[in-house]
């Protein structure tokens, strides 16, 4: 239960991400960079965590079903990484084929991006509490 700590911190936004396991990245395979399987929780466990913190108005839950295809990631070669098949499949580089063609290979879910509030106003008035 993180309610007391989060309340004391008073964040403007608090995003809670369910740990997403991707082959070749964090699935614990021989060629994976990391092994995040010990951090993986079921949908039921994630939902229970969110429910227990539902009083936090700034909480923005992002389960795997929301997160997986609603973010755009670029690697060091400026290739979009398509995570739609539970791995990271690189597109062609935007330097070679342009953004539009590379983006078409990204597995990006524009509707989910909008549904999760991907367009966000990053300015706000700051208040100092005592």
Protein backbone atom coordinates (compact mmCIF):
# COMPACT_ATOMS: atom_id res chain seq x y z
CA UNK A 1 0.00 0.00 0.00
CA UNK A 2 1.63 3.20 -1.19
CA UNK A 3 -1.24 5.58 -0.41
CA UNK A 4 0.42 7.34 2.53
CA UNK A 5 3.69 7.87 0.66
CA UNK A 6 2.05 9.09 -2.53
CA UNK A 7 -0.19 11.45 -0.58
CA UNK A 8 2.86 12.95 1.14
CA UNK A 9 4.66 13.41 -2.18
CA UNK A 10 1.62 15.09 -3.80
CA UNK A 11 2.59 14.32 -7.42
CA UNK A 12 0.66 15.98 -10.19
CA UNK A 13 0.55 12.69 -12.12
CA UNK A 14 1.40 9.16 -11.04
CA UNK A 15 1.63 6.58 -13.81
CA UNK A 16 1.55 2.96 -12.70
CA UNK A 17 2.83 0.60 -15.39
CA UNK A 18 2.32 -3.15 -15.39
CA UNK A 19 5.64 -4.84 -16.15
CA UNK A 20 5.64 -5.78 -19.84
CA UNK A 21 7.77 -8.76 -20.78
CA UNK A 22 9.31 -8.57 -24.28
CA UNK A 23 11.33 -11.29 -25.98
CA UNK A 24 14.88 -10.17 -26.69
CA UNK A 25 14.64 -7.48 -24.04
CA UNK A 26 13.65 -8.62 -20.55
CA UNK A 27 12.18 -12.13 -20.84
CA UNK A 28 15.21 -13.87 -19.32
CA UNK A 29 16.27 -15.60 -22.54
CA UNK A 30 19.93 -16.22 -23.41
CA UNK A 31 20.07 -13.15 -25.68
CA UNK A 32 17.89 -10.88 -23.55
CA UNK A 33 19.37 -7.76 -21.99
CA UNK A 34 17.54 -8.28 -18.67
CA UNK A 35 15.26 -10.66 -16.83
CA UNK A 36 12.21 -8.86 -15.51
CA UNK A 37 10.06 -11.95 -14.99
CA UNK A 38 10.31 -11.58 -11.20
CA UNK A 39 8.63 -8.16 -11.58
CA UNK A 40 5.76 -9.50 -13.67
CA UNK A 41 2.28 -9.46 -12.15
CA UNK A 42 -0.98 -10.85 -13.46
CA UNK A 43 -3.79 -8.61 -14.69
CA UNK A 44 -5.68 -9.45 -11.50
CA UNK A 45 -2.75 -8.42 -9.30
CA UNK A 46 -2.28 -5.20 -11.24
CA UNK A 47 -6.00 -4.41 -11.05
CA UNK A 48 -5.97 -5.06 -7.28
CA UNK A 49 -3.06 -2.65 -6.87
CA UNK A 50 -4.90 0.00 -8.88
CA UNK A 51 -8.11 -0.58 -6.90
CA UNK A 52 -6.26 -0.19 -3.59
CA UNK A 53 -4.95 3.19 -4.78
CA UNK A 54 -8.12 4.39 -6.51
CA UNK A 55 -8.42 7.28 -4.05
CA UNK A 56 -5.35 8.87 -5.62
CA UNK A 57 -6.83 11.31 -8.15
CA UNK A 58 -3.52 11.64 -10.00
CA UNK A 59 -3.17 7.87 -10.60
CA UNK A 60 -2.99 6.86 -14.26
CA UNK A 61 -2.97 3.07 -14.58
CA UNK A 62 -1.34 1.58 -17.66
CA UNK A 63 -1.79 -2.18 -17.90
CA UNK A 64 -0.02 -4.05 -20.68
CA UNK A 65 -3.12 -3.97 -22.89
CA UNK A 66 -2.96 -0.15 -22.88
CA UNK A 67 0.78 0.35 -22.90
CA UNK A 68 2.11 -2.24 -25.33
CA UNK A 69 1.39 -0.54 -28.65
CA UNK A 70 0.54 3.02 -27.61
CA UNK A 71 4.10 4.30 -27.21
CA UNK A 72 6.65 4.96 -29.93
CA UNK A 73 10.23 3.91 -29.27
CA UNK A 74 13.29 4.53 -31.40
CA UNK A 75 16.54 2.60 -31.14
CA UNK A 76 20.03 4.02 -31.65
CA UNK A 77 19.71 3.55 -35.43
CA UNK A 78 16.47 5.59 -35.48
CA UNK A 79 14.28 2.57 -36.13
CA UNK A 80 10.86 2.32 -34.53
CA UNK A 81 10.48 -0.75 -32.34
CA UNK A 82 7.33 -2.77 -32.96
CA UNK A 83 6.27 -4.52 -29.72
CA UNK A 84 2.95 -5.84 -31.00
CA UNK A 85 4.17 -9.46 -31.10
CA UNK A 86 5.74 -9.41 -27.58
CA UNK A 87 9.22 -8.54 -28.83
CA UNK A 88 11.00 -5.52 -30.28
CA UNK A 89 11.06 -5.79 -34.08
CA UNK A 90 12.86 -2.82 -35.65
CA UNK A 91 11.42 -0.93 -38.59
CA UNK A 92 13.57 0.45 -41.35
CA UNK A 93 15.51 3.52 -40.21
CA UNK A 94 13.80 6.88 -40.60
CA UNK A 95 17.12 8.08 -42.06
CA UNK A 96 16.70 5.63 -44.94
CA UNK A 97 12.96 5.58 -45.64
CA UNK A 98 11.53 8.61 -43.84
CA UNK A 99 9.30 8.86 -40.81
CA UNK A 100 6.00 7.99 -42.50
CA UNK A 101 7.18 4.67 -43.95
CA UNK A 102 9.11 3.68 -40.81
CA UNK A 103 6.10 4.58 -38.67
CA UNK A 104 3.91 2.29 -40.76
CA UNK A 105 6.15 -0.58 -39.60
CA UNK A 106 5.98 0.35 -35.89
CA UNK A 107 2.83 -1.53 -34.80
CA UNK A 108 1.63 1.75 -33.26
CA UNK A 109 -1.97 1.86 -32.03
CA UNK A 110 -3.07 5.46 -32.56
CA UNK A 111 -6.51 4.86 -31.04
CA UNK A 112 -5.02 3.42 -27.84
CA UNK A 113 -2.54 6.31 -27.71
CA UNK A 114 -5.45 8.75 -27.62
CA UNK A 115 -7.52 6.56 -25.28
CA UNK A 116 -4.73 6.48 -22.68
CA UNK A 117 -4.41 10.28 -22.84
CA UNK A 118 -1.21 10.31 -24.87
CA UNK A 119 -1.71 13.93 -25.84
CA UNK A 120 -1.09 15.75 -22.62
CA UNK A 121 -0.77 19.43 -21.70
CA UNK A 122 2.62 19.57 -20.00
CA UNK A 123 2.08 22.94 -18.36
CA UNK A 124 0.33 23.62 -15.11
CA UNK A 125 0.30 26.11 -12.28
CA UNK A 126 2.55 25.11 -9.44
CA UNK A 127 1.33 25.32 -5.89
CA UNK A 128 3.50 25.01 -2.84
CA UNK A 129 1.92 23.20 0.07
CA UNK A 130 3.19 23.34 3.62
